[in-house]
PDB file of N, CA and C in Angstrom:
ATOM      1  N   MET A   1     -13.715  -6.675  10.352  1.00  0.00           N
ATOM      2  CA  MET A   1     -13.264  -6.187   9.158  1.00  0.00           C
ATOM      3  C   MET A   1     -14.313  -5.440   8.508  1.00  0.00           C
ATOM      4  N   SER A   2     -13.749  -4.527   7.755  1.00  0.00           N
ATOM      5  CA  SER A   2     -14.549  -3.874   6.852  1.00  0.00           C
ATOM      6  C   SER A   2     -14.018  -3.562   5.501  1.00  0.00           C
ATOM      7  N   PHE A   3     -14.865  -3.410   4.524  1.00  0.00           N
ATOM      8  CA  PHE A   3     -14.426  -3.168   3.063  1.00  0.00           C
ATOM      9  C   PHE A   3     -14.042  -1.776   2.952  1.00  0.00           C
ATOM     10  N   VAL A   4     -12.805  -1.429   2.370  1.00  0.00           N
ATOM     11  CA  VAL A   4     -12.172  -0.249   2.131  1.00  0.00           C
ATOM     12  C   VAL A   4     -11.810  -0.113   0.638  1.00  0.00           C
ATOM     13  N   HIS A   5     -11.812   1.062   0.143  1.00  0.00           N
ATOM     14  CA  HIS A   5     -11.320   1.322  -1.045  1.00  0.00           C
ATOM     15  C   HIS A   5      -9.963   1.790  -1.048  1.00  0.00           C
ATOM     16  N   VAL A   6      -9.274   1.262  -1.790  1.00  0.00           N
ATOM     17  CA  VAL A   6      -7.629   1.558  -1.685  1.00  0.00           C
ATOM     18  C   VAL A   6      -7.337   2.121  -3.153  1.00  0.00           C
ATOM     19  N   THR A   7      -6.671   3.194  -3.230  1.00  0.00           N
ATOM     20  CA  THR A   7      -6.163   3.785  -4.658  1.00  0.00           C
ATOM     21  C   THR A   7      -4.544   3.910  -4.567  1.00  0.00           C
ATOM     22  N   LEU A   8      -3.988   3.078  -5.545  1.00  0.00           N
ATOM     23  CA  LEU A   8      -2.535   3.237  -5.842  1.00  0.00           C
ATOM     24  C   LEU A   8      -2.325   4.228  -6.836  1.00  0.00           C
ATOM     25  N   HIS A   9      -1.512   5.219  -6.462  1.00  0.00           N
ATOM     26  CA  HIS A   9      -1.237   6.361  -7.565  1.00  0.00           C
ATOM     27  C   HIS A   9       0.142   6.098  -8.219  1.00  0.00           C
ATOM     28  N   GLY A  10       0.486   6.812  -9.416  1.00  0.00           N
ATOM     29  CA  GLY A  10       1.832   6.737  -9.855  1.00  0.00           C
ATOM     30  C   GLY A  10       2.086   5.363 -10.349  1.00  0.00           C
ATOM     31  N   LYS A  11       3.486   5.077 -10.291  1.00  0.00           N
ATOM     32  CA  LYS A  11       3.974   3.956 -10.765  1.00  0.00           C
ATOM     33  C   LYS A  11       3.411   2.678 -10.014  1.00  0.00           C
ATOM     34  N   LEU A  12       3.045   2.910  -8.699  1.00  0.00           N
ATOM     35  CA  LEU A  12       2.324   1.595  -8.039  1.00  0.00           C
ATOM     36  C   LEU A  12       1.173   1.314  -8.801  1.00  0.00           C
ATOM     37  N   GLY A  13       0.217   2.240  -9.088  1.00  0.00           N
ATOM     38  CA  GLY A  13      -1.022   1.943  -9.709  1.00  0.00           C
ATOM     39  C   GLY A  13      -0.842   1.280 -10.816  1.00  0.00           C
ATOM     40  N   LYS A  14       0.188   1.994 -11.782  1.00  0.00           N
ATOM     41  CA  LYS A  14       0.319   1.467 -13.203  1.00  0.00           C
ATOM     42  C   LYS A  14       0.776  -0.055 -13.135  1.00  0.00           C
ATOM     43  N   LEU A  15       1.672  -0.474 -12.215  1.00  0.00           N
ATOM     44  CA  LEU A  15       2.273  -1.698 -12.159  1.00  0.00           C
ATOM     45  C   LEU A  15       1.331  -2.762 -11.456  1.00  0.00           C
ATOM     46  N   PHE A  16       0.580  -2.263 -10.407  1.00  0.00           N
ATOM     47  CA  PHE A  16      -0.082  -3.269  -9.602  1.00  0.00           C
ATOM     48  C   PHE A  16      -1.575  -3.108  -9.566  1.00  0.00           C
ATOM     49  N   GLY A  17      -2.150  -2.131 -10.334  1.00  0.00           N
ATOM     50  CA  GLY A  17      -3.567  -2.105 -10.163  1.00  0.00           C
ATOM     51  C   GLY A  17      -3.850  -0.713  -9.409  1.00  0.00           C
ATOM     52  N   ARG A  18      -4.690   0.057 -10.035  1.00  0.00           N
ATOM     53  CA  ARG A  18      -4.960   1.413  -9.451  1.00  0.00           C
ATOM     54  C   ARG A  18      -5.916   1.205  -8.201  1.00  0.00           C
ATOM     55  N   LYS A  19      -7.097   0.538  -8.577  1.00  0.00           N
ATOM     56  CA  LYS A  19      -8.242   0.520  -7.605  1.00  0.00           C
ATOM     57  C   LYS A  19      -8.298  -0.841  -6.909  1.00  0.00           C
ATOM     58  N   TRP A  20      -8.642  -0.900  -5.757  1.00  0.00           N
ATOM     59  CA  TRP A  20      -8.674  -2.215  -4.925  1.00  0.00           C
ATOM     60  C   TRP A  20      -9.747  -1.837  -3.833  1.00  0.00           C
ATOM     61  N   ASP A  21     -10.609  -2.895  -3.675  1.00  0.00           N
ATOM     62  CA  ASP A  21     -11.568  -3.069  -2.764  1.00  0.00           C
ATOM     63  C   ASP A  21     -11.313  -4.203  -1.904  1.00  0.00           C
ATOM     64  N   LEU A  22     -10.923  -3.848  -0.586  1.00  0.00           N
ATOM     65  CA  LEU A  22     -10.354  -4.996   0.263  1.00  0.00           C
ATOM     66  C   LEU A  22     -11.049  -5.112   1.553  1.00  0.00           C
ATOM     67  N   GLU A  23     -11.211  -6.232   2.119  1.00  0.00           N
ATOM     68  CA  GLU A  23     -11.675  -6.370   3.530  1.00  0.00           C
ATOM     69  C   GLU A  23     -10.490  -6.343   4.536  1.00  0.00           C
ATOM     70  N   VAL A  24     -10.262  -5.142   5.111  1.00  0.00           N
ATOM     71  CA  VAL A  24      -9.091  -4.928   5.874  1.00  0.00           C
ATOM     72  C   VAL A  24      -9.283  -4.048   6.978  1.00  0.00           C
ATOM     73  N   ASN A  25      -8.599  -4.081   8.054  1.00  0.00           N
ATOM     74  CA  ASN A  25      -8.789  -3.067   9.306  1.00  0.00           C
ATOM     75  C   ASN A  25      -7.694  -2.081   9.062  1.00  0.00           C
ATOM     76  N   THR A  26      -6.551  -2.146   8.703  1.00  0.00           N
ATOM     77  CA  THR A  26      -5.377  -1.351   8.777  1.00  0.00           C
ATOM     78  C   THR A  26      -4.875  -1.169   7.473  1.00  0.00           C
ATOM     79  N   PRO A  27      -3.954   0.096   7.267  1.00  0.00           N
ATOM     80  CA  PRO A  27      -3.304   0.227   6.008  1.00  0.00           C
ATOM     81  C   PRO A  27      -2.197  -0.856   5.796  1.00  0.00           C
ATOM     82  N   GLY A  28      -1.633  -1.463   6.896  1.00  0.00           N
ATOM     83  CA  GLY A  28      -0.644  -2.591   6.763  1.00  0.00           C
ATOM     84  C   GLY A  28      -1.371  -3.811   6.077  1.00  0.00           C
ATOM     85  N   GLU A  29      -2.520  -3.979   6.586  1.00  0.00           N
ATOM     86  CA  GLU A  29      -3.157  -5.180   6.008  1.00  0.00           C
ATOM     87  C   GLU A  29      -3.611  -5.033   4.584  1.00  0.00           C
ATOM     88  N   ALA A  30      -3.826  -3.732   4.400  1.00  0.00           N
ATOM     89  CA  ALA A  30      -4.190  -3.562   2.828  1.00  0.00           C
ATOM     90  C   ALA A  30      -2.902  -3.857   1.979  1.00  0.00           C
ATOM     91  N   LEU A  31      -1.741  -3.340   2.627  1.00  0.00           N
ATOM     92  CA  LEU A  31      -0.534  -3.643   1.659  1.00  0.00           C
ATOM     93  C   LEU A  31      -0.128  -5.092   1.616  1.00  0.00           C
ATOM     94  N   ARG A  32      -0.492  -5.788   2.536  1.00  0.00           N
ATOM     95  CA  ARG A  32      -0.226  -7.229   2.837  1.00  0.00           C
ATOM     96  C   ARG A  32      -1.153  -8.033   1.726  1.00  0.00           C
ATOM     97  N   ALA A  33      -2.310  -7.383   1.588  1.00  0.00           N
ATOM     98  CA  ALA A  33      -3.339  -8.055   0.829  1.00  0.00           C
ATOM     99  C   ALA A  33      -2.977  -7.849  -0.520  1.00  0.00           C
ATOM    100  N   ILE A  34      -2.567  -6.753  -0.926  1.00  0.00           N
ATOM    101  CA  ILE A  34      -2.231  -6.326  -2.309  1.00  0.00           C
ATOM    102  C   ILE A  34      -0.867  -7.321  -2.701  1.00  0.00           C
ATOM    103  N   GLY A  35      -0.017  -7.186  -1.634  1.00  0.00           N
ATOM    104  CA  GLY A  35       1.354  -8.049  -1.784  1.00  0.00           C
ATOM    105  C   GLY A  35       1.033  -9.600  -2.309  1.00  0.00           C
ATOM    106  N   THR A  36      -0.012 -10.114  -1.407  1.00  0.00           N
ATOM    107  CA  THR A  36      -0.462 -11.516  -1.589  1.00  0.00           C
ATOM    108  C   THR A  36      -0.983 -11.680  -2.903  1.00  0.00           C
ATOM    109  N   LEU A  37      -1.626 -10.861  -3.373  1.00  0.00           N
ATOM    110  CA  LEU A  37      -2.520 -10.878  -4.706  1.00  0.00           C
ATOM    111  C   LEU A  37      -1.645 -10.506  -6.031  1.00  0.00           C
ATOM    112  N   LYS A  38      -0.579  -9.729  -5.814  1.00  0.00           N
ATOM    113  CA  LYS A  38       0.105  -9.401  -6.870  1.00  0.00           C
ATOM    114  C   LYS A  38       1.571  -9.627  -6.675  1.00  0.00           C
ATOM    115  N   LYS A  39       2.116 -10.500  -7.463  1.00  0.00           N
ATOM    116  CA  LYS A  39       3.575 -10.906  -7.550  1.00  0.00           C
ATOM    117  C   LYS A  39       4.438  -9.618  -7.669  1.00  0.00           C
ATOM    118  N   GLY A  40       5.440  -9.521  -6.858  1.00  0.00           N
ATOM    119  CA  GLY A  40       6.547  -8.470  -7.166  1.00  0.00           C
ATOM    120  C   GLY A  40       6.144  -7.272  -6.516  1.00  0.00           C
ATOM    121  N   PHE A  41       5.073  -7.092  -5.785  1.00  0.00           N
ATOM    122  CA  PHE A  41       4.701  -5.967  -5.059  1.00  0.00           C
ATOM    123  C   PHE A  41       5.633  -5.596  -3.851  1.00  0.00           C
ATOM    124  N   PHE A  42       5.872  -6.580  -3.061  1.00  0.00           N
ATOM    125  CA  PHE A  42       6.781  -6.299  -1.715  1.00  0.00           C
ATOM    126  C   PHE A  42       8.112  -6.071  -2.513  1.00  0.00           C
ATOM    127  N   GLY A  43       8.819  -6.703  -3.483  1.00  0.00           N
ATOM    128  CA  GLY A  43       9.981  -6.631  -4.041  1.00  0.00           C
ATOM    129  C   GLY A  43      10.150  -5.117  -4.612  1.00  0.00           C
ATOM    130  N   PHE A  44       9.098  -4.569  -5.231  1.00  0.00           N
ATOM    131  CA  PHE A  44       9.024  -3.206  -5.658  1.00  0.00           C
ATOM    132  C   PHE A  44       9.127  -2.268  -4.596  1.00  0.00           C
ATOM    133  N   LEU A  45       8.284  -2.429  -3.416  1.00  0.00           N
ATOM    134  CA  LEU A  45       8.396  -1.539  -2.443  1.00  0.00           C
ATOM    135  C   LEU A  45       9.799  -1.447  -1.755  1.00  0.00           C
ATOM    136  N   GLU A  46      10.346  -2.709  -1.642  1.00  0.00           N
ATOM    137  CA  GLU A  46      11.808  -2.848  -0.987  1.00  0.00           C
ATOM    138  C   GLU A  46      12.820  -1.959  -1.953  1.00  0.00           C
ATOM    139  N   LYS A  47      12.715  -2.374  -3.000  1.00  0.00           N
ATOM    140  CA  LYS A  47      13.666  -1.732  -4.073  1.00  0.00           C
ATOM    141  C   LYS A  47      13.556  -0.395  -4.133  1.00  0.00           C
ATOM    142  N   ALA A  48      12.345   0.271  -4.070  1.00  0.00           N
ATOM    143  CA  ALA A  48      12.092   1.617  -4.118  1.00  0.00           C
ATOM    144  C   ALA A  48      12.536   2.237  -2.940  1.00  0.00           C
ATOM    145  N   GLU A  49      12.268   1.699  -1.728  1.00  0.00           N
ATOM    146  CA  GLU A  49      12.917   2.364  -0.471  1.00  0.00           C
ATOM    147  C   GLU A  49      14.459   2.294  -0.489  1.00  0.00           C
ATOM    148  N   ASN A  50      15.096   1.276  -0.803  1.00  0.00           N
ATOM    149  CA  ASN A  50      16.509   1.161  -0.916  1.00  0.00           C
ATOM    150  C   ASN A  50      17.099   2.185  -1.933  1.00  0.00           C
ATOM    151  N   SER A  51      16.378   2.671  -2.888  1.00  0.00           N
ATOM    152  CA  SER A  51      16.907   3.591  -3.899  1.00  0.00           C
ATOM    153  C   SER A  51      16.500   5.091  -3.641  1.00  0.00           C
ATOM    154  N   GLY A  52      15.597   5.181  -2.301  1.00  0.00           N
ATOM    155  CA  GLY A  52      15.384   6.427  -1.817  1.00  0.00           C
ATOM    156  C   GLY A  52      14.023   7.074  -2.359  1.00  0.00           C
ATOM    157  N   LEU A  53      13.183   6.133  -3.124  1.00  0.00           N
ATOM    158  CA  LEU A  53      11.944   6.594  -3.298  1.00  0.00           C
ATOM    159  C   LEU A  53      10.940   6.402  -2.116  1.00  0.00           C
ATOM    160  N   GLY A  54      10.078   7.492  -1.839  1.00  0.00           N
ATOM    161  CA  GLY A  54       9.142   7.361  -0.794  1.00  0.00           C
ATOM    162  C   GLY A  54       7.834   7.393  -1.154  1.00  0.00           C
ATOM    163  N   PHE A  55       6.840   7.011  -0.264  1.00  0.00           N
ATOM    164  CA  PHE A  55       5.427   6.811  -0.574  1.00  0.00           C
ATOM    165  C   PHE A  55       4.758   7.625   0.581  1.00  0.00           C
ATOM    166  N   ARG A  56       3.651   7.968   0.216  1.00  0.00           N
ATOM    167  CA  ARG A  56       2.722   8.790   1.147  1.00  0.00           C
ATOM    168  C   ARG A  56       1.396   7.811   1.265  1.00  0.00           C
ATOM    169  N   VAL A  57       0.871   7.742   2.456  1.00  0.00           N
ATOM    170  CA  VAL A  57      -0.166   7.077   2.940  1.00  0.00           C
ATOM    171  C   VAL A  57      -1.233   8.006   3.276  1.00  0.00           C
ATOM    172  N   ALA A  58      -2.368   8.023   2.916  1.00  0.00           N
ATOM    173  CA  ALA A  58      -3.533   8.966   3.394  1.00  0.00           C
ATOM    174  C   ALA A  58      -4.779   7.928   3.648  1.00  0.00           C
ATOM    175  N   ILE A  59      -5.539   8.481   4.770  1.00  0.00           N
ATOM    176  CA  ILE A  59      -6.790   7.731   4.895  1.00  0.00           C
ATOM    177  C   ILE A  59      -7.792   8.857   4.916  1.00  0.00           C
ATOM    178  N   ASP A  60      -8.849   8.694   4.189  1.00  0.00           N
ATOM    179  CA  ASP A  60      -9.959   9.800   3.918  1.00  0.00           C
ATOM    180  C   ASP A  60      -9.239  11.069   3.758  1.00  0.00           C
ATOM    181  N   GLY A  61      -8.238  11.284   2.920  1.00  0.00           N
ATOM    182  CA  GLY A  61      -7.557  12.480   2.655  1.00  0.00           C
ATOM    183  C   GLY A  61      -6.688  13.049   3.720  1.00  0.00           C
ATOM    184  N   ARG A  62      -6.571  12.283   4.836  1.00  0.00           N
ATOM    185  CA  ARG A  62      -5.504  12.807   5.745  1.00  0.00           C
ATOM    186  C   ARG A  62      -4.366  11.841   5.783  1.00  0.00           C
ATOM    187  N   GLU A  63      -3.162  12.420   5.519  1.00  0.00           N
ATOM    188  CA  GLU A  63      -1.971  11.883   5.328  1.00  0.00           C
ATOM    189  C   GLU A  63      -1.398  11.319   6.724  1.00  0.00           C
ATOM    190  N   LEU A  64      -0.939   9.997   6.812  1.00  0.00           N
ATOM    191  CA  LEU A  64      -0.223   9.598   8.147  1.00  0.00           C
ATOM    192  C   LEU A  64       1.050  10.018   8.157  1.00  0.00           C
ATOM    193  N   LEU A  65       1.470  10.704   9.208  1.00  0.00           N
ATOM    194  CA  LEU A  65       2.651  11.178   9.566  1.00  0.00           C
ATOM    195  C   LEU A  65       3.709  10.129   9.832  1.00  0.00           C
ATOM    196  N   ILE A  66       3.391   9.230  10.580  1.00  0.00           N
ATOM    197  CA  ILE A  66       4.172   8.152  11.199  1.00  0.00           C
ATOM    198  C   ILE A  66       3.397   6.875  10.836  1.00  0.00           C
ATOM    199  N   PRO A  67       3.710   6.260   9.681  1.00  0.00           N
ATOM    200  CA  PRO A  67       2.889   5.106   9.188  1.00  0.00           C
ATOM    201  C   PRO A  67       3.179   3.788   9.931  1.00  0.00           C
ATOM    202  N   ASP A  68       3.156   3.703  11.307  1.00  0.00           N
ATOM    203  CA  ASP A  68       3.539   2.614  12.091  1.00  0.00           C
ATOM    204  C   ASP A  68       2.706   1.374  11.660  1.00  0.00           C
ATOM    205  N   GLU A  69       1.518   1.598  11.161  1.00  0.00           N
ATOM    206  CA  GLU A  69       0.578   0.604  10.809  1.00  0.00           C
ATOM    207  C   GLU A  69       0.973  -0.258   9.654  1.00  0.00           C
ATOM    208  N   LEU A  70       2.117   0.287   8.923  1.00  0.00           N
ATOM    209  CA  LEU A  70       2.594  -0.187   7.676  1.00  0.00           C
ATOM    210  C   LEU A  70       3.585  -1.225   7.673  1.00  0.00           C
ATOM    211  N   ILE A  71       4.149  -1.459   9.048  1.00  0.00           N
ATOM    212  CA  ILE A  71       5.144  -2.418   9.299  1.00  0.00           C
ATOM    213  C   ILE A  71       4.722  -3.883   8.763  1.00  0.00           C
ATOM    214  N   MET A  72       5.362  -4.440   7.941  1.00  0.00           N
ATOM    215  CA  MET A  72       4.920  -5.683   7.274  1.00  0.00           C
ATOM    216  C   MET A  72       5.494  -6.956   7.905  1.00  0.00           C
ATOM    217  N   THR A  73       6.092  -6.844   9.111  1.00  0.00           N
ATOM    218  CA  THR A  73       6.816  -7.970   9.713  1.00  0.00           C
ATOM    219  C   THR A  73       5.797  -8.675  10.539  1.00  0.00           C
TER     220      THR A  73
END
């Protein structure tokens, strides 16, 4: 594992913290780590998805087109 810097923008950042330094290997692991540390994170993501709100994921400025690594099951 390596330490990565994660930045949450917009409402996610306001509610759950904008800057994170995490020891993870994938974007999915980063989301799971934040969800473990911040109560309500997963519920917010689920509620947002159900109401049509989308999120973008970028690594080193490159947007993931198909964020398969984000599957949280």
